[in-house]
Amino acid sequence: MSVKVQPLAEYVVAVPEEAQTKTASGLYLPGGATEKPKVAKVVAVGKEVVDVKVGDRILYKNDYEATNVKVDGETYIIVYVKNVIATVN
């Protein structure tokens, strides 16, 4: 996948994961009941980012700390690296 958005300085560009539509027990959730995940896969990092690399799955603070961007039909989030809480295995 070629990333059309290149972050500057201490920013990370990631693709958000889809919201779960089914519970662990197999029940389907209605559209309004799904919780928006705060997990995303990193596709590009700025030159000053040290702790996160392309391919990592990250957990970020909240939607207010991320910028949502749609480029050529692909949805990305841009997060300041200090708003990345953890990497997810």
PDB file of N, CA and C in Angstrom:
ATOM      1  N   MET A   1       0.849  -1.175   0.000  1.00  0.00           N
ATOM      2  CA  MET A   1       0.000   0.000   0.000  1.00  0.00           C
ATOM      3  C   MET A   1       0.891   1.232   0.000  1.00  0.00           C
ATOM      4  N   SER A   2       0.676   2.110  -0.929  1.00  0.00           N
ATOM      5  CA  SER A   2       1.408   3.358  -1.016  1.00  0.00           C
ATOM      6  C   SER A   2       0.674   4.430  -0.210  1.00  0.00           C
ATOM      7  N   VAL A   3       1.365   5.036   0.727  1.00  0.00           N
ATOM      8  CA  VAL A   3       0.755   6.037   1.590  1.00  0.00           C
ATOM      9  C   VAL A   3       0.882   7.405   0.941  1.00  0.00           C
ATOM     10  N   LYS A   4      -0.248   8.071   0.755  1.00  0.00           N
ATOM     11  CA  LYS A   4      -0.261   9.384   0.120  1.00  0.00           C
ATOM     12  C   LYS A   4      -0.024  10.513   1.117  1.00  0.00           C
ATOM     13  N   VAL A   5      -0.075  10.195   2.418  1.00  0.00           N
ATOM     14  CA  VAL A   5       0.102  11.204   3.461  1.00  0.00           C
ATOM     15  C   VAL A   5       1.419  10.933   4.172  1.00  0.00           C
ATOM     16  N   GLN A   6       2.333  11.880   4.142  1.00  0.00           N
ATOM     17  CA  GLN A   6       3.618  11.741   4.822  1.00  0.00           C
ATOM     18  C   GLN A   6       3.648  12.696   6.010  1.00  0.00           C
ATOM     19  N   PRO A   7       3.794  12.172   7.226  1.00  0.00           N
ATOM     20  CA  PRO A   7       3.784  13.019   8.410  1.00  0.00           C
ATOM     21  C   PRO A   7       5.082  13.804   8.581  1.00  0.00           C
ATOM     22  N   LEU A   8       4.970  14.930   9.252  1.00  0.00           N
ATOM     23  CA  LEU A   8       6.128  15.747   9.564  1.00  0.00           C
ATOM     24  C   LEU A   8       6.498  15.578  11.034  1.00  0.00           C
ATOM     25  N   ALA A   9       7.726  15.880  11.364  1.00  0.00           N
ATOM     26  CA  ALA A   9       8.238  15.948  12.732  1.00  0.00           C
ATOM     27  C   ALA A   9       7.827  14.752  13.590  1.00  0.00           C
ATOM     28  N   GLU A  10       6.988  14.996  14.608  1.00  0.00           N
ATOM     29  CA  GLU A  10       6.633  13.967  15.581  1.00  0.00           C
ATOM     30  C   GLU A  10       5.214  13.439  15.390  1.00  0.00           C
ATOM     31  N   TYR A  11       4.781  13.300  14.148  1.00  0.00           N
ATOM     32  CA  TYR A  11       3.431  12.795  13.875  1.00  0.00           C
ATOM     33  C   TYR A  11       3.486  11.393  13.293  1.00  0.00           C
ATOM     34  N   VAL A  12       2.397  10.654  13.506  1.00  0.00           N
ATOM     35  CA  VAL A  12       2.262   9.282  13.038  1.00  0.00           C
ATOM     36  C   VAL A  12       0.996   9.196  12.197  1.00  0.00           C
ATOM     37  N   VAL A  13       1.069   8.543  11.045  1.00  0.00           N
ATOM     38  CA  VAL A  13      -0.110   8.301  10.206  1.00  0.00           C
ATOM     39  C   VAL A  13      -0.462   6.829  10.347  1.00  0.00           C
ATOM     40  N   ALA A  14      -1.746   6.562  10.629  1.00  0.00           N
ATOM     41  CA  ALA A  14      -2.178   5.190  10.848  1.00  0.00           C
ATOM     42  C   ALA A  14      -3.549   4.959  10.232  1.00  0.00           C
ATOM     43  N   VAL A  15      -3.866   3.696  10.019  1.00  0.00           N
ATOM     44  CA  VAL A  15      -5.186   3.302   9.505  1.00  0.00           C
ATOM     45  C   VAL A  15      -5.967   2.721  10.692  1.00  0.00           C
ATOM     46  N   PRO A  16      -7.108   3.346  11.031  1.00  0.00           N
ATOM     47  CA  PRO A  16      -7.872   2.857  12.177  1.00  0.00           C
ATOM     48  C   PRO A  16      -8.477   1.486  11.913  1.00  0.00           C
ATOM     49  N   GLU A  17      -8.565   0.673  12.974  1.00  0.00           N
ATOM     50  CA  GLU A  17      -9.196  -0.635  12.856  1.00  0.00           C
ATOM     51  C   GLU A  17     -10.706  -0.467  12.848  1.00  0.00           C
ATOM     52  N   GLU A  18     -11.378  -1.411  12.222  1.00  0.00           N
ATOM     53  CA  GLU A  18     -12.838  -1.386  12.140  1.00  0.00           C
ATOM     54  C   GLU A  18     -13.452  -1.654  13.509  1.00  0.00           C
ATOM     55  N   ALA A  19     -14.591  -1.046  13.779  1.00  0.00           N
ATOM     56  CA  ALA A  19     -15.321  -1.282  15.025  1.00  0.00           C
ATOM     57  C   ALA A  19     -15.882  -2.700  15.017  1.00  0.00           C
ATOM     58  N   GLN A  20     -15.907  -3.324  16.172  1.00  0.00           N
ATOM     59  CA  GLN A  20     -16.462  -4.672  16.300  1.00  0.00           C
ATOM     60  C   GLN A  20     -17.976  -4.614  16.121  1.00  0.00           C
ATOM     61  N   THR A  21     -18.507  -5.508  15.315  1.00  0.00           N
ATOM     62  CA  THR A  21     -19.952  -5.552  15.098  1.00  0.00           C
ATOM     63  C   THR A  21     -20.586  -6.744  15.797  1.00  0.00           C
ATOM     64  N   LYS A  22     -19.745  -7.562  16.439  1.00  0.00           N
ATOM     65  CA  LYS A  22     -20.242  -8.751  17.112  1.00  0.00           C
ATOM     66  C   LYS A  22     -19.529  -8.898  18.452  1.00  0.00           C
ATOM     67  N   THR A  23     -20.266  -9.304  19.482  1.00  0.00           N
ATOM     68  CA  THR A  23     -19.670  -9.516  20.792  1.00  0.00           C
ATOM     69  C   THR A  23     -18.928 -10.848  20.819  1.00  0.00           C
ATOM     70  N   ALA A  24     -18.173 -11.085  21.894  1.00  0.00           N
ATOM     71  CA  ALA A  24     -17.435 -12.343  22.033  1.00  0.00           C
ATOM     72  C   ALA A  24     -18.369 -13.539  22.076  1.00  0.00           C
ATOM     73  N   SER A  25     -19.592 -13.329  22.569  1.00  0.00           N
ATOM     74  CA  SER A  25     -20.557 -14.435  22.649  1.00  0.00           C
ATOM     75  C   SER A  25     -21.335 -14.638  21.353  1.00  0.00           C
ATOM     76  N   GLY A  26     -21.075 -13.787  20.334  1.00  0.00           N
ATOM     77  CA  GLY A  26     -21.709 -13.980  19.044  1.00  0.00           C
ATOM     78  C   GLY A  26     -22.910 -13.100  18.756  1.00  0.00           C
ATOM     79  N   LEU A  27     -23.246 -12.191  19.656  1.00  0.00           N
ATOM     80  CA  LEU A  27     -24.380 -11.286  19.418  1.00  0.00           C
ATOM     81  C   LEU A  27     -23.946 -10.136  18.517  1.00  0.00           C
ATOM     82  N   TYR A  28     -24.795  -9.780  17.561  1.00  0.00           N
ATOM     83  CA  TYR A  28     -24.499  -8.664  16.676  1.00  0.00           C
ATOM     84  C   TYR A  28     -24.923  -7.358  17.335  1.00  0.00           C
ATOM     85  N   LEU A  29     -24.066  -6.336  17.222  1.00  0.00           N
ATOM     86  CA  LEU A  29     -24.342  -5.037  17.818  1.00  0.00           C
ATOM     87  C   LEU A  29     -24.974  -4.105  16.787  1.00  0.00           C
ATOM     88  N   PRO A  30     -25.988  -3.315  17.178  1.00  0.00           N
ATOM     89  CA  PRO A  30     -26.538  -2.318  16.262  1.00  0.00           C
ATOM     90  C   PRO A  30     -25.514  -1.212  16.037  1.00  0.00           C
ATOM     91  N   GLY A  31     -25.646  -0.485  14.955  1.00  0.00           N
ATOM     92  CA  GLY A  31     -24.680   0.547  14.572  1.00  0.00           C
ATOM     93  C   GLY A  31     -24.335   1.541  15.658  1.00  0.00           C
ATOM     94  N   GLY A  32     -25.300   2.001  16.425  1.00  0.00           N
ATOM     95  CA  GLY A  32     -25.042   2.992  17.456  1.00  0.00           C
ATOM     96  C   GLY A  32     -24.385   2.432  18.695  1.00  0.00           C
ATOM     97  N   ALA A  33     -24.396   1.140  18.862  1.00  0.00           N
ATOM     98  CA  ALA A  33     -23.852   0.523  20.077  1.00  0.00           C
ATOM     99  C   ALA A  33     -22.378   0.167  19.950  1.00  0.00           C
ATOM    100  N   THR A  34     -21.841   0.251  18.748  1.00  0.00           N
ATOM    101  CA  THR A  34     -20.441  -0.128  18.583  1.00  0.00           C
ATOM    102  C   THR A  34     -19.543   0.970  19.133  1.00  0.00           C
ATOM    103  N   GLU A  35     -18.536   0.544  19.867  1.00  0.00           N
ATOM    104  CA  GLU A  35     -17.574   1.495  20.405  1.00  0.00           C
ATOM    105  C   GLU A  35     -16.475   1.693  19.378  1.00  0.00           C
ATOM    106  N   LYS A  36     -16.128   2.953  19.115  1.00  0.00           N
ATOM    107  CA  LYS A  36     -15.083   3.236  18.158  1.00  0.00           C
ATOM    108  C   LYS A  36     -13.738   2.818  18.745  1.00  0.00           C
ATOM    109  N   PRO A  37     -13.006   1.978  18.050  1.00  0.00           N
ATOM    110  CA  PRO A  37     -11.732   1.526  18.598  1.00  0.00           C
ATOM    111  C   PRO A  37     -10.708   2.645  18.585  1.00  0.00           C
ATOM    112  N   LYS A  38      -9.782   2.570  19.492  1.00  0.00           N
ATOM    113  CA  LYS A  38      -8.687   3.535  19.560  1.00  0.00           C
ATOM    114  C   LYS A  38      -7.390   2.840  19.173  1.00  0.00           C
ATOM    115  N   VAL A  39      -7.520   1.812  18.335  1.00  0.00           N
ATOM    116  CA  VAL A  39      -6.366   1.059  17.876  1.00  0.00           C
ATOM    117  C   VAL A  39      -6.231   1.264  16.373  1.00  0.00           C
ATOM    118  N   ALA A  40      -4.993   1.453  15.920  1.00  0.00           N
ATOM    119  CA  ALA A  40      -4.753   1.694  14.500  1.00  0.00           C
ATOM    120  C   ALA A  40      -3.400   1.100  14.111  1.00  0.00           C
ATOM    121  N   LYS A  41      -3.229   0.817  12.822  1.00  0.00           N
ATOM    122  CA  LYS A  41      -1.970   0.277  12.310  1.00  0.00           C
ATOM    123  C   LYS A  41      -1.172   1.413  11.672  1.00  0.00           C
ATOM    124  N   VAL A  42       0.061   1.567  12.097  1.00  0.00           N
ATOM    125  CA  VAL A  42       0.930   2.650  11.624  1.00  0.00           C
ATOM    126  C   VAL A  42       1.374   2.376  10.196  1.00  0.00           C
ATOM    127  N   VAL A  43       1.204   3.384   9.315  1.00  0.00           N
ATOM    128  CA  VAL A  43       1.627   3.241   7.923  1.00  0.00           C
ATOM    129  C   VAL A  43       2.742   4.217   7.550  1.00  0.00           C
ATOM    130  N   ALA A  44       2.959   5.246   8.387  1.00  0.00           N
ATOM    131  CA  ALA A  44       4.048   6.200   8.145  1.00  0.00           C
ATOM    132  C   ALA A  44       4.354   6.947   9.436  1.00  0.00           C
ATOM    133  N   VAL A  45       5.624   7.313   9.614  1.00  0.00           N
ATOM    134  CA  VAL A  45       6.030   8.075  10.800  1.00  0.00           C
ATOM    135  C   VAL A  45       6.882   9.268  10.377  1.00  0.00           C
ATOM    136  N   GLY A  46       6.821  10.331  11.193  1.00  0.00           N
ATOM    137  CA  GLY A  46       7.645  11.507  10.944  1.00  0.00           C
ATOM    138  C   GLY A  46       9.096  11.231  11.287  1.00  0.00           C
ATOM    139  N   LYS A  47       9.992  12.100  10.837  1.00  0.00           N
ATOM    140  CA  LYS A  47      11.432  11.889  11.014  1.00  0.00           C
ATOM    141  C   LYS A  47      11.884  11.922  12.469  1.00  0.00           C
ATOM    142  N   GLU A  48      11.118  12.585  13.342  1.00  0.00           N
ATOM    143  CA  GLU A  48      11.523  12.701  14.743  1.00  0.00           C
ATOM    144  C   GLU A  48      10.886  11.637  15.645  1.00  0.00           C
ATOM    145  N   VAL A  49      10.118  10.724  15.081  1.00  0.00           N
ATOM    146  CA  VAL A  49       9.469   9.668  15.869  1.00  0.00           C
ATOM    147  C   VAL A  49      10.463   8.538  16.098  1.00  0.00           C
ATOM    148  N   VAL A  50      10.626   8.144  17.369  1.00  0.00           N
ATOM    149  CA  VAL A  50      11.608   7.124  17.708  1.00  0.00           C
ATOM    150  C   VAL A  50      10.962   5.822  18.202  1.00  0.00           C
ATOM    151  N   ASP A  51       9.923   5.925  19.032  1.00  0.00           N
ATOM    152  CA  ASP A  51       9.364   4.752  19.714  1.00  0.00           C
ATOM    153  C   ASP A  51       8.368   3.943  18.892  1.00  0.00           C
ATOM    154  N   VAL A  52       7.891   4.484  17.793  1.00  0.00           N
ATOM    155  CA  VAL A  52       6.871   3.811  16.978  1.00  0.00           C
ATOM    156  C   VAL A  52       7.423   3.635  15.575  1.00  0.00           C
ATOM    157  N   LYS A  53       7.138   2.466  14.971  1.00  0.00           N
ATOM    158  CA  LYS A  53       7.621   2.236  13.609  1.00  0.00           C
ATOM    159  C   LYS A  53       6.480   1.760  12.710  1.00  0.00           C
ATOM    160  N   VAL A  54       6.675   1.818  11.427  1.00  0.00           N
ATOM    161  CA  VAL A  54       5.682   1.366  10.455  1.00  0.00           C
ATOM    162  C   VAL A  54       5.388  -0.109  10.703  1.00  0.00           C
ATOM    163  N   GLY A  55       4.095  -0.448  10.718  1.00  0.00           N
ATOM    164  CA  GLY A  55       3.669  -1.819  10.954  1.00  0.00           C
ATOM    165  C   GLY A  55       3.187  -2.058  12.375  1.00  0.00           C
ATOM    166  N   ASP A  56       3.553  -1.184  13.316  1.00  0.00           N
ATOM    167  CA  ASP A  56       3.081  -1.315  14.698  1.00  0.00           C
ATOM    168  C   ASP A  56       1.581  -1.062  14.770  1.00  0.00           C
ATOM    169  N   ARG A  57       0.923  -1.733  15.724  1.00  0.00           N
ATOM    170  CA  ARG A  57      -0.463  -1.404  16.070  1.00  0.00           C
ATOM    171  C   ARG A  57      -0.385  -0.545  17.318  1.00  0.00           C
ATOM    172  N   ILE A  58      -1.030   0.614  17.281  1.00  0.00           N
ATOM    173  CA  ILE A  58      -0.933   1.548  18.393  1.00  0.00           C
ATOM    174  C   ILE A  58      -2.288   1.773  19.049  1.00  0.00           C
ATOM    175  N   LEU A  59      -2.243   2.153  20.306  1.00  0.00           N
ATOM    176  CA  LEU A  59      -3.411   2.577  21.056  1.00  0.00           C
ATOM    177  C   LEU A  59      -3.212   4.063  21.302  1.00  0.00           C
ATOM    178  N   TYR A  60      -4.164   4.896  20.856  1.00  0.00           N
ATOM    179  CA  TYR A  60      -4.030   6.341  21.037  1.00  0.00           C
ATOM    180  C   TYR A  60      -5.114   6.854  21.972  1.00  0.00           C
ATOM    181  N   LYS A  61      -4.886   8.055  22.528  1.00  0.00           N
ATOM    182  CA  LYS A  61      -5.730   8.585  23.605  1.00  0.00           C
ATOM    183  C   LYS A  61      -7.211   8.629  23.264  1.00  0.00           C
ATOM    184  N   ASN A  62      -7.608   9.441  22.312  1.00  0.00           N
ATOM    185  CA  ASN A  62      -9.025   9.566  21.946  1.00  0.00           C
ATOM    186  C   ASN A  62      -9.156  10.271  20.611  1.00  0.00           C
ATOM    187  N   ASP A  63     -10.380  10.355  20.118  1.00  0.00           N
ATOM    188  CA  ASP A  63     -10.605  10.970  18.814  1.00  0.00           C
ATOM    189  C   ASP A  63     -10.299  12.461  18.793  1.00  0.00           C
ATOM    190  N   TYR A  64     -10.352  13.103  19.957  1.00  0.00           N
ATOM    191  CA  TYR A  64     -10.060  14.536  20.011  1.00  0.00           C
ATOM    192  C   TYR A  64      -8.578  14.812  19.832  1.00  0.00           C
ATOM    193  N   GLU A  65      -7.758  13.804  20.044  1.00  0.00           N
ATOM    194  CA  GLU A  65      -6.310  13.930  19.920  1.00  0.00           C
ATOM    195  C   GLU A  65      -5.810  13.494  18.540  1.00  0.00           C
ATOM    196  N   ALA A  66      -6.705  13.046  17.668  1.00  0.00           N
ATOM    197  CA  ALA A  66      -6.324  12.558  16.341  1.00  0.00           C
ATOM    198  C   ALA A  66      -7.065  13.335  15.267  1.00  0.00           C
ATOM    199  N   THR A  67      -6.422  13.496  14.127  1.00  0.00           N
ATOM    200  CA  THR A  67      -7.038  14.150  12.979  1.00  0.00           C
ATOM    201  C   THR A  67      -7.403  13.082  11.962  1.00  0.00           C
ATOM    202  N   ASN A  68      -8.677  13.027  11.597  1.00  0.00           N
ATOM    203  CA  ASN A  68      -9.142  12.063  10.601  1.00  0.00           C
ATOM    204  C   ASN A  68      -9.044  12.680   9.218  1.00  0.00           C
ATOM    205  N   VAL A  69      -8.466  11.925   8.285  1.00  0.00           N
ATOM    206  CA  VAL A  69      -8.264  12.409   6.922  1.00  0.00           C
ATOM    207  C   VAL A  69      -8.658  11.307   5.955  1.00  0.00           C
ATOM    208  N   LYS A  70      -9.328  11.680   4.871  1.00  0.00           N
ATOM    209  CA  LYS A  70      -9.666  10.707   3.827  1.00  0.00           C
ATOM    210  C   LYS A  70      -8.950  11.142   2.545  1.00  0.00           C
ATOM    211  N   VAL A  71      -8.069  10.273   2.025  1.00  0.00           N
ATOM    212  CA  VAL A  71      -7.303  10.575   0.818  1.00  0.00           C
ATOM    213  C   VAL A  71      -7.480   9.416  -0.150  1.00  0.00           C
ATOM    214  N   ASP A  72      -7.969   9.706  -1.338  1.00  0.00           N
ATOM    215  CA  ASP A  72      -8.187   8.690  -2.378  1.00  0.00           C
ATOM    216  C   ASP A  72      -8.987   7.503  -1.860  1.00  0.00           C
ATOM    217  N   GLY A  73     -10.019   7.776  -1.065  1.00  0.00           N
ATOM    218  CA  GLY A  73     -10.904   6.732  -0.575  1.00  0.00           C
ATOM    219  C   GLY A  73     -10.397   5.969   0.642  1.00  0.00           C
ATOM    220  N   GLU A  74      -9.179   6.232   1.078  1.00  0.00           N
ATOM    221  CA  GLU A  74      -8.603   5.561   2.255  1.00  0.00           C
ATOM    222  C   GLU A  74      -8.670   6.514   3.450  1.00  0.00           C
ATOM    223  N   THR A  75      -9.101   5.990   4.599  1.00  0.00           N
ATOM    224  CA  THR A  75      -9.199   6.793   5.806  1.00  0.00           C
ATOM    225  C   THR A  75      -7.945   6.615   6.651  1.00  0.00           C
ATOM    226  N   TYR A  76      -7.356   7.739   7.043  1.00  0.00           N
ATOM    227  CA  TYR A  76      -6.166   7.743   7.886  1.00  0.00           C
ATOM    228  C   TYR A  76      -6.446   8.579   9.126  1.00  0.00           C
ATOM    229  N   ILE A  77      -5.683   8.318  10.181  1.00  0.00           N
ATOM    230  CA  ILE A  77      -5.667   9.226  11.312  1.00  0.00           C
ATOM    231  C   ILE A  77      -4.239   9.725  11.463  1.00  0.00           C
ATOM    232  N   ILE A  78      -4.104  10.973  11.871  1.00  0.00           N
ATOM    233  CA  ILE A  78      -2.796  11.546  12.129  1.00  0.00           C
ATOM    234  C   ILE A  78      -2.751  11.871  13.617  1.00  0.00           C
ATOM    235  N   VAL A  79      -1.782  11.286  14.310  1.00  0.00           N
ATOM    236  CA  VAL A  79      -1.695  11.415  15.759  1.00  0.00           C
ATOM    237  C   VAL A  79      -0.313  11.943  16.129  1.00  0.00           C
ATOM    238  N   TYR A  80      -0.291  12.898  17.048  1.00  0.00           N
ATOM    239  CA  TYR A  80       0.969  13.376  17.613  1.00  0.00           C
ATOM    240  C   TYR A  80       1.542  12.243  18.447  1.00  0.00           C
ATOM    241  N   VAL A  81       2.813  11.964  18.327  1.00  0.00           N
ATOM    242  CA  VAL A  81       3.408  10.778  18.953  1.00  0.00           C
ATOM    243  C   VAL A  81       3.220  10.764  20.477  1.00  0.00           C
ATOM    244  N   LYS A  82       3.125  11.910  21.116  1.00  0.00           N
ATOM    245  CA  LYS A  82       2.910  11.945  22.576  1.00  0.00           C
ATOM    246  C   LYS A  82       1.507  11.513  22.959  1.00  0.00           C
ATOM    247  N   ASN A  83       0.593  11.413  21.989  1.00  0.00           N
ATOM    248  CA  ASN A  83      -0.755  10.938  22.250  1.00  0.00           C
ATOM    249  C   ASN A  83      -0.907   9.441  21.978  1.00  0.00           C
ATOM    250  N   VAL A  84       0.183   8.794  21.622  1.00  0.00           N
ATOM    251  CA  VAL A  84       0.203   7.339  21.471  1.00  0.00           C
ATOM    252  C   VAL A  84       0.477   6.768  22.858  1.00  0.00           C
ATOM    253  N   ILE A  85      -0.449   5.967  23.366  1.00  0.00           N
ATOM    254  CA  ILE A  85      -0.344   5.446  24.721  1.00  0.00           C
ATOM    255  C   ILE A  85       0.508   4.178  24.765  1.00  0.00           C
ATOM    256  N   ALA A  86       0.326   3.289  23.773  1.00  0.00           N
ATOM    257  CA  ALA A  86       1.022   2.001  23.807  1.00  0.00           C
ATOM    258  C   ALA A  86       1.031   1.367  22.427  1.00  0.00           C
ATOM    259  N   THR A  87       1.870   0.347  22.273  1.00  0.00           N
ATOM    260  CA  THR A  87       1.779  -0.499  21.094  1.00  0.00           C
ATOM    261  C   THR A  87       1.029  -1.748  21.504  1.00  0.00           C
ATOM    262  N   VAL A  88       0.297  -2.342  20.560  1.00  0.00           N
ATOM    263  CA  VAL A  88      -0.551  -3.504  20.830  1.00  0.00           C
ATOM    264  C   VAL A  88       0.000  -4.687  20.063  1.00  0.00           C
ATOM    265  N   ASN A  89       0.171  -5.809  20.738  1.00  0.00           N
ATOM    266  CA  ASN A  89       0.674  -7.034  20.081  1.00  0.00           C
ATOM    267  C   ASN A  89      -0.454  -7.842  19.524  1.00  0.00           C
TER     268      ASN A  89
END
